[in-house]
């Protein structure tokens, strides 16, 4: 039986508050059937927002709908964190949510975002898989733009580190383990420690 693919555009706008220092970059949202609210990392199986709760030692009160979105945007604003994904348009294998079933059509113009938000200093990527993860897609974007990414190294905390320059400014790349429960099997306390280091 022939595989079926959907052509999808990203459902959310990039969110970058004024004076953001960090830009979180993922790949593409899971299937809408898995969403609890219309915003990034809204799948209850994804541990991104529980990680943020652990970092800040607070708890989100809103779990669904627009109140959940506004609460998370306010959190990101307070923490100087922006959020986006590498794929603006892609093909997805029907009924599949994993990154390995996404095929790029249009990549997000990361450099344009950095130019518009010149307070950003670090990119924090939420998946490190080569080719189809956020790191792999960022590498593809750099190749397209003729930009050199310094060799990615693993530090003592198991965070991948790299750097690059754009328009005379140096940027840091940090890649902790994925918050997705289906990609990495790290315990939540370990993920909280990793992400806290990335946002320190």
C-alpha atoms as a PDB file:
ATOM      1  CA  UNK A   1       0.000   0.000   0.000  1.00  0.00           C
ATOM      2  CA  UNK A   2       1.388   3.394  -0.997  1.00  0.00           C
ATOM      3  CA  UNK A   3       2.333   5.714   1.886  1.00  0.00           C
ATOM      4  CA  UNK A   4       0.258   8.882   2.187  1.00  0.00           C
ATOM      5  CA  UNK A   5       1.700  12.264   3.079  1.00  0.00           C
ATOM      6  CA  UNK A   6       0.135  15.537   4.157  1.00  0.00           C
ATOM      7  CA  UNK A   7       1.579  18.921   3.175  1.00  0.00           C
ATOM      8  CA  UNK A   8       1.445  21.024   6.348  1.00  0.00           C
ATOM      9  CA  UNK A   9       2.199  24.625   7.255  1.00  0.00           C
ATOM     10  CA  UNK A  10       3.289  25.448  10.794  1.00  0.00           C
ATOM     11  CA  UNK A  11       0.180  26.197  12.879  1.00  0.00           C
ATOM     12  CA  UNK A  12       1.791  28.637  15.350  1.00  0.00           C
ATOM     13  CA  UNK A  13       3.581  31.940  15.025  1.00  0.00           C
ATOM     14  CA  UNK A  14       7.091  32.265  16.383  1.00  0.00           C
ATOM     15  CA  UNK A  15       6.929  33.799  19.850  1.00  0.00           C
ATOM     16  CA  UNK A  16       9.845  36.017  20.862  1.00  0.00           C
ATOM     17  CA  UNK A  17       9.310  38.510  23.692  1.00  0.00           C
ATOM     18  CA  UNK A  18      11.138  41.828  23.887  1.00  0.00           C
ATOM     19  CA  UNK A  19      14.675  41.463  25.313  1.00  0.00           C
ATOM     20  CA  UNK A  20      14.737  37.680  24.799  1.00  0.00           C
ATOM     21  CA  UNK A  21      18.164  36.163  25.470  1.00  0.00           C
ATOM     22  CA  UNK A  22      17.364  32.589  24.452  1.00  0.00           C
ATOM     23  CA  UNK A  23      15.637  31.105  21.425  1.00  0.00           C
ATOM     24  CA  UNK A  24      14.258  27.594  21.865  1.00  0.00           C
ATOM     25  CA  UNK A  25      14.119  25.745  18.534  1.00  0.00           C
ATOM     26  CA  UNK A  26      12.233  22.510  17.925  1.00  0.00           C
ATOM     27  CA  UNK A  27      11.228  20.731  14.736  1.00  0.00           C
ATOM     28  CA  UNK A  28       7.437  20.789  14.148  1.00  0.00           C
ATOM     29  CA  UNK A  29       4.335  20.252  16.321  1.00  0.00           C
ATOM     30  CA  UNK A  30       2.895  16.835  16.874  1.00  0.00           C
ATOM     31  CA  UNK A  31      -0.429  15.936  15.238  1.00  0.00           C
ATOM     32  CA  UNK A  32      -3.291  18.182  16.323  1.00  0.00           C
ATOM     33  CA  UNK A  33      -5.129  15.242  17.871  1.00  0.00           C
ATOM     34  CA  UNK A  34      -2.400  15.248  20.548  1.00  0.00           C
ATOM     35  CA  UNK A  35      -2.646  18.943  21.477  1.00  0.00           C
ATOM     36  CA  UNK A  36      -3.958  20.205  24.814  1.00  0.00           C
ATOM     37  CA  UNK A  37      -3.704  23.816  23.590  1.00  0.00           C
ATOM     38  CA  UNK A  38      -2.668  25.595  20.380  1.00  0.00           C
ATOM     39  CA  UNK A  39       0.958  26.337  21.226  1.00  0.00           C
ATOM     40  CA  UNK A  40       4.378  24.762  21.297  1.00  0.00           C
ATOM     41  CA  UNK A  41       4.941  21.484  23.196  1.00  0.00           C
ATOM     42  CA  UNK A  42       1.249  21.089  23.967  1.00  0.00           C
ATOM     43  CA  UNK A  43       1.288  17.294  23.921  1.00  0.00           C
ATOM     44  CA  UNK A  44       0.827  16.033  27.481  1.00  0.00           C
ATOM     45  CA  UNK A  45       3.471  13.360  26.783  1.00  0.00           C
ATOM     46  CA  UNK A  46       6.089  16.015  26.030  1.00  0.00           C
ATOM     47  CA  UNK A  47       8.040  17.119  29.090  1.00  0.00           C
ATOM     48  CA  UNK A  48       9.062  20.605  27.949  1.00  0.00           C
ATOM     49  CA  UNK A  49       6.620  22.501  30.165  1.00  0.00           C
ATOM     50  CA  UNK A  50       7.178  20.210  33.194  1.00  0.00           C
ATOM     51  CA  UNK A  51      10.909  20.945  32.707  1.00  0.00           C
ATOM     52  CA  UNK A  52      10.160  24.685  32.741  1.00  0.00           C
ATOM     53  CA  UNK A  53       8.143  24.184  35.933  1.00  0.00           C
ATOM     54  CA  UNK A  54      11.103  22.416  37.487  1.00  0.00           C
ATOM     55  CA  UNK A  55      13.522  25.168  36.479  1.00  0.00           C
ATOM     56  CA  UNK A  56      11.348  27.943  37.895  1.00  0.00           C
ATOM     57  CA  UNK A  57       9.974  25.949  40.855  1.00  0.00           C
ATOM     58  CA  UNK A  58       6.489  27.036  39.913  1.00  0.00           C
ATOM     59  CA  UNK A  59       3.502  25.185  38.499  1.00  0.00           C
ATOM     60  CA  UNK A  60       1.322  26.137  35.561  1.00  0.00           C
ATOM     61  CA  UNK A  61      -2.281  26.491  36.647  1.00  0.00           C
ATOM     62  CA  UNK A  62      -3.883  26.358  33.198  1.00  0.00           C
ATOM     63  CA  UNK A  63      -3.785  23.089  31.269  1.00  0.00           C
ATOM     64  CA  UNK A  64      -5.968  23.679  28.203  1.00  0.00           C
ATOM     65  CA  UNK A  65      -7.105  26.382  25.780  1.00  0.00           C
ATOM     66  CA  UNK A  66      -6.180  30.063  25.534  1.00  0.00           C
ATOM     67  CA  UNK A  67      -5.551  30.502  29.273  1.00  0.00           C
ATOM     68  CA  UNK A  68      -2.810  27.847  29.048  1.00  0.00           C
ATOM     69  CA  UNK A  69      -1.253  29.635  26.073  1.00  0.00           C
ATOM     70  CA  UNK A  70      -1.255  33.047  27.782  1.00  0.00           C
ATOM     71  CA  UNK A  71       0.176  31.608  30.985  1.00  0.00           C
ATOM     72  CA  UNK A  72       3.057  30.026  29.081  1.00  0.00           C
ATOM     73  CA  UNK A  73       3.714  33.151  27.029  1.00  0.00           C
ATOM     74  CA  UNK A  74       3.911  35.175  30.225  1.00  0.00           C
ATOM     75  CA  UNK A  75       6.350  32.639  31.646  1.00  0.00           C
ATOM     76  CA  UNK A  76       8.546  32.878  28.532  1.00  0.00           C
ATOM     77  CA  UNK A  77       8.451  36.671  28.684  1.00  0.00           C
ATOM     78  CA  UNK A  78       9.569  36.676  32.318  1.00  0.00           C
ATOM     79  CA  UNK A  79      12.378  34.217  31.561  1.00  0.00           C
ATOM     80  CA  UNK A  80      13.494  36.064  28.379  1.00  0.00           C
ATOM     81  CA  UNK A  81      12.877  32.983  26.229  1.00  0.00           C
ATOM     82  CA  UNK A  82      11.628  32.933  22.631  1.00  0.00           C
ATOM     83  CA  UNK A  83      10.314  29.829  20.906  1.00  0.00           C
ATOM     84  CA  UNK A  84      10.048  28.577  17.325  1.00  0.00           C
ATOM     85  CA  UNK A  85      10.527  25.467  15.162  1.00  0.00           C
ATOM     86  CA  UNK A  86      12.884  24.733  12.285  1.00  0.00           C
ATOM     87  CA  UNK A  87      10.142  23.662   9.865  1.00  0.00           C
ATOM     88  CA  UNK A  88       7.690  26.206   8.506  1.00  0.00           C
ATOM     89  CA  UNK A  89       6.312  23.795   5.938  1.00  0.00           C
ATOM     90  CA  UNK A  90       6.777  20.062   5.537  1.00  0.00           C
ATOM     91  CA  UNK A  91       5.340  16.765   4.421  1.00  0.00           C
ATOM     92  CA  UNK A  92       4.197  14.421   7.197  1.00  0.00           C
ATOM     93  CA  UNK A  93       3.477  10.745   6.873  1.00  0.00           C
ATOM     94  CA  UNK A  94      -0.205  10.309   7.719  1.00  0.00           C
ATOM     95  CA  UNK A  95      -0.913   9.357  11.356  1.00  0.00           C
ATOM     96  CA  UNK A  96       2.752   9.726  12.357  1.00  0.00           C
ATOM     97  CA  UNK A  97       4.132  12.356  14.741  1.00  0.00           C
ATOM     98  CA  UNK A  98       7.838  11.518  14.992  1.00  0.00           C
ATOM     99  CA  UNK A  99      10.482  13.798  13.489  1.00  0.00           C
ATOM    100  CA  UNK A 100      11.641  10.922  11.297  1.00  0.00           C
ATOM    101  CA  UNK A 101       8.309  11.118   9.441  1.00  0.00           C
ATOM    102  CA  UNK A 102       8.681  14.822   8.577  1.00  0.00           C
ATOM    103  CA  UNK A 103      10.158  15.916   5.250  1.00  0.00           C
ATOM    104  CA  UNK A 104      11.254  19.565   4.931  1.00  0.00           C
ATOM    105  CA  UNK A 105       9.790  21.955   2.406  1.00  0.00           C
ATOM    106  CA  UNK A 106      10.502  25.368   3.983  1.00  0.00           C
ATOM    107  CA  UNK A 107      12.914  26.003   6.852  1.00  0.00           C
ATOM    108  CA  UNK A 108      12.462  28.871   9.304  1.00  0.00           C
ATOM    109  CA  UNK A 109      14.736  31.811   8.523  1.00  0.00           C
ATOM    110  CA  UNK A 110      16.646  31.791  11.792  1.00  0.00           C
ATOM    111  CA  UNK A 111      19.019  34.571  10.767  1.00  0.00           C
ATOM    112  CA  UNK A 112      16.103  36.878  10.034  1.00  0.00           C
ATOM    113  CA  UNK A 113      14.747  36.220  13.530  1.00  0.00           C
ATOM    114  CA  UNK A 114      18.145  36.976  15.065  1.00  0.00           C
ATOM    115  CA  UNK A 115      18.375  40.224  13.112  1.00  0.00           C
ATOM    116  CA  UNK A 116      14.931  41.315  14.323  1.00  0.00           C
ATOM    117  CA  UNK A 117      15.678  40.325  17.919  1.00  0.00           C
ATOM    118  CA  UNK A 118      19.257  41.377  18.514  1.00  0.00           C
ATOM    119  CA  UNK A 119      19.187  40.626  22.247  1.00  0.00           C
ATOM    120  CA  UNK A 120      19.206  36.867  21.609  1.00  0.00           C
ATOM    121  CA  UNK A 121      22.507  35.252  22.628  1.00  0.00           C
ATOM    122  CA  UNK A 122      21.831  31.508  22.675  1.00  0.00           C
ATOM    123  CA  UNK A 123      19.943  28.954  20.620  1.00  0.00           C
ATOM    124  CA  UNK A 124      18.593  26.041  22.687  1.00  0.00           C
ATOM    125  CA  UNK A 125      17.629  23.117  20.451  1.00  0.00           C
ATOM    126  CA  UNK A 126      15.216  20.483  21.724  1.00  0.00           C
ATOM    127  CA  UNK A 127      16.338  17.566  19.550  1.00  0.00           C
ATOM    128  CA  UNK A 128      19.827  16.512  18.535  1.00  0.00           C
ATOM    129  CA  UNK A 129      19.088  13.876  15.906  1.00  0.00           C
ATOM    130  CA  UNK A 130      21.095  14.311  12.730  1.00  0.00           C
ATOM    131  CA  UNK A 131      19.266  15.180   9.497  1.00  0.00           C
ATOM    132  CA  UNK A 132      15.664  15.352  10.756  1.00  0.00           C
ATOM    133  CA  UNK A 133      16.026  16.680  14.330  1.00  0.00           C
ATOM    134  CA  UNK A 134      16.292  20.388  15.218  1.00  0.00           C
ATOM    135  CA  UNK A 135      20.091  20.195  15.183  1.00  0.00           C
ATOM    136  CA  UNK A 136      20.181  18.389  11.848  1.00  0.00           C
ATOM    137  CA  UNK A 137      17.760  20.884  10.291  1.00  0.00           C
ATOM    138  CA  UNK A 138      19.749  23.826  11.657  1.00  0.00           C
ATOM    139  CA  UNK A 139      22.883  22.372  10.074  1.00  0.00           C
ATOM    140  CA  UNK A 140      20.999  22.104   6.768  1.00  0.00           C
ATOM    141  CA  UNK A 141      19.924  25.744   7.111  1.00  0.00           C
ATOM    142  CA  UNK A 142      23.525  26.812   7.752  1.00  0.00           C
ATOM    143  CA  UNK A 143      24.696  24.943   4.646  1.00  0.00           C
ATOM    144  CA  UNK A 144      22.027  26.720   2.603  1.00  0.00           C
ATOM    145  CA  UNK A 145      23.177  30.078   3.979  1.00  0.00           C
ATOM    146  CA  UNK A 146      26.896  29.354   3.558  1.00  0.00           C
ATOM    147  CA  UNK A 147      27.482  29.773   7.291  1.00  0.00           C
ATOM    148  CA  UNK A 148      29.968  27.760   9.310  1.00  0.00           C
ATOM    149  CA  UNK A 149      28.867  26.082  12.526  1.00  0.00           C
ATOM    150  CA  UNK A 150      31.766  25.293  14.813  1.00  0.00           C
ATOM    151  CA  UNK A 151      32.168  21.609  15.639  1.00  0.00           C
ATOM    152  CA  UNK A 152      29.579  20.444  18.152  1.00  0.00           C
ATOM    153  CA  UNK A 153      31.116  19.120  21.360  1.00  0.00           C
ATOM    154  CA  UNK A 154      29.555  17.212  24.251  1.00  0.00           C
ATOM    155  CA  UNK A 155      30.238  18.795  27.651  1.00  0.00           C
ATOM    156  CA  UNK A 156      30.419  17.084  31.040  1.00  0.00           C
ATOM    157  CA  UNK A 157      26.658  17.539  31.535  1.00  0.00           C
ATOM    158  CA  UNK A 158      25.821  15.682  28.289  1.00  0.00           C
ATOM    159  CA  UNK A 159      24.780  18.939  26.613  1.00  0.00           C
ATOM    160  CA  UNK A 160      25.983  19.449  23.060  1.00  0.00           C
ATOM    161  CA  UNK A 161      27.666  22.824  22.563  1.00  0.00           C
ATOM    162  CA  UNK A 162      28.563  24.799  19.470  1.00  0.00           C
ATOM    163  CA  UNK A 163      28.767  28.356  18.209  1.00  0.00           C
ATOM    164  CA  UNK A 164      28.527  30.479  15.092  1.00  0.00           C
ATOM    165  CA  UNK A 165      28.769  34.099  13.998  1.00  0.00           C
ATOM    166  CA  UNK A 166      26.232  36.160  12.101  1.00  0.00           C
ATOM    167  CA  UNK A 167      26.565  39.829  11.162  1.00  0.00           C
ATOM    168  CA  UNK A 168      29.584  40.157  13.429  1.00  0.00           C
ATOM    169  CA  UNK A 169      27.874  38.714  16.522  1.00  0.00           C
ATOM    170  CA  UNK A 170      28.729  35.404  18.167  1.00  0.00           C
ATOM    171  CA  UNK A 171      25.961  33.015  19.191  1.00  0.00           C
ATOM    172  CA  UNK A 172      25.975  29.926  21.385  1.00  0.00           C
ATOM    173  CA  UNK A 173      24.226  26.678  20.445  1.00  0.00           C
ATOM    174  CA  UNK A 174      23.119  24.369  23.254  1.00  0.00           C
ATOM    175  CA  UNK A 175      21.428  21.018  22.719  1.00  0.00           C
ATOM    176  CA  UNK A 176      20.221  19.181  25.826  1.00  0.00           C
ATOM    177  CA  UNK A 177      18.372  15.891  25.543  1.00  0.00           C
ATOM    178  CA  UNK A 178      14.935  16.031  23.972  1.00  0.00           C
ATOM    179  CA  UNK A 179      11.921  16.629  26.232  1.00  0.00           C
ATOM    180  CA  UNK A 180       9.982  14.152  24.092  1.00  0.00           C
ATOM    181  CA  UNK A 181       9.310  10.974  26.031  1.00  0.00           C
ATOM    182  CA  UNK A 182       9.514   8.952  22.802  1.00  0.00           C
ATOM    183  CA  UNK A 183      13.010  10.180  21.848  1.00  0.00           C
ATOM    184  CA  UNK A 184      15.081  10.298  25.004  1.00  0.00           C
ATOM    185  CA  UNK A 185      14.529   8.238  28.135  1.00  0.00           C
ATOM    186  CA  UNK A 186      16.209  10.623  30.566  1.00  0.00           C
ATOM    187  CA  UNK A 187      14.502  11.119  33.901  1.00  0.00           C
ATOM    188  CA  UNK A 188      12.684  14.416  34.422  1.00  0.00           C
ATOM    189  CA  UNK A 189      15.051  15.574  37.236  1.00  0.00           C
ATOM    190  CA  UNK A 190      18.036  15.053  34.897  1.00  0.00           C
ATOM    191  CA  UNK A 191      16.312  17.005  32.125  1.00  0.00           C
ATOM    192  CA  UNK A 192      15.534  19.844  34.536  1.00  0.00           C
ATOM    193  CA  UNK A 193      19.225  20.058  35.481  1.00  0.00           C
ATOM    194  CA  UNK A 194      20.294  20.110  31.840  1.00  0.00           C
ATOM    195  CA  UNK A 195      17.821  22.777  30.776  1.00  0.00           C
ATOM    196  CA  UNK A 196      18.556  24.894  33.835  1.00  0.00           C
ATOM    197  CA  UNK A 197      22.181  25.025  32.751  1.00  0.00           C
ATOM    198  CA  UNK A 198      21.127  26.053  29.234  1.00  0.00           C
ATOM    199  CA  UNK A 199      19.066  28.965  30.576  1.00  0.00           C
ATOM    200  CA  UNK A 200      21.565  30.165  33.173  1.00  0.00           C
END
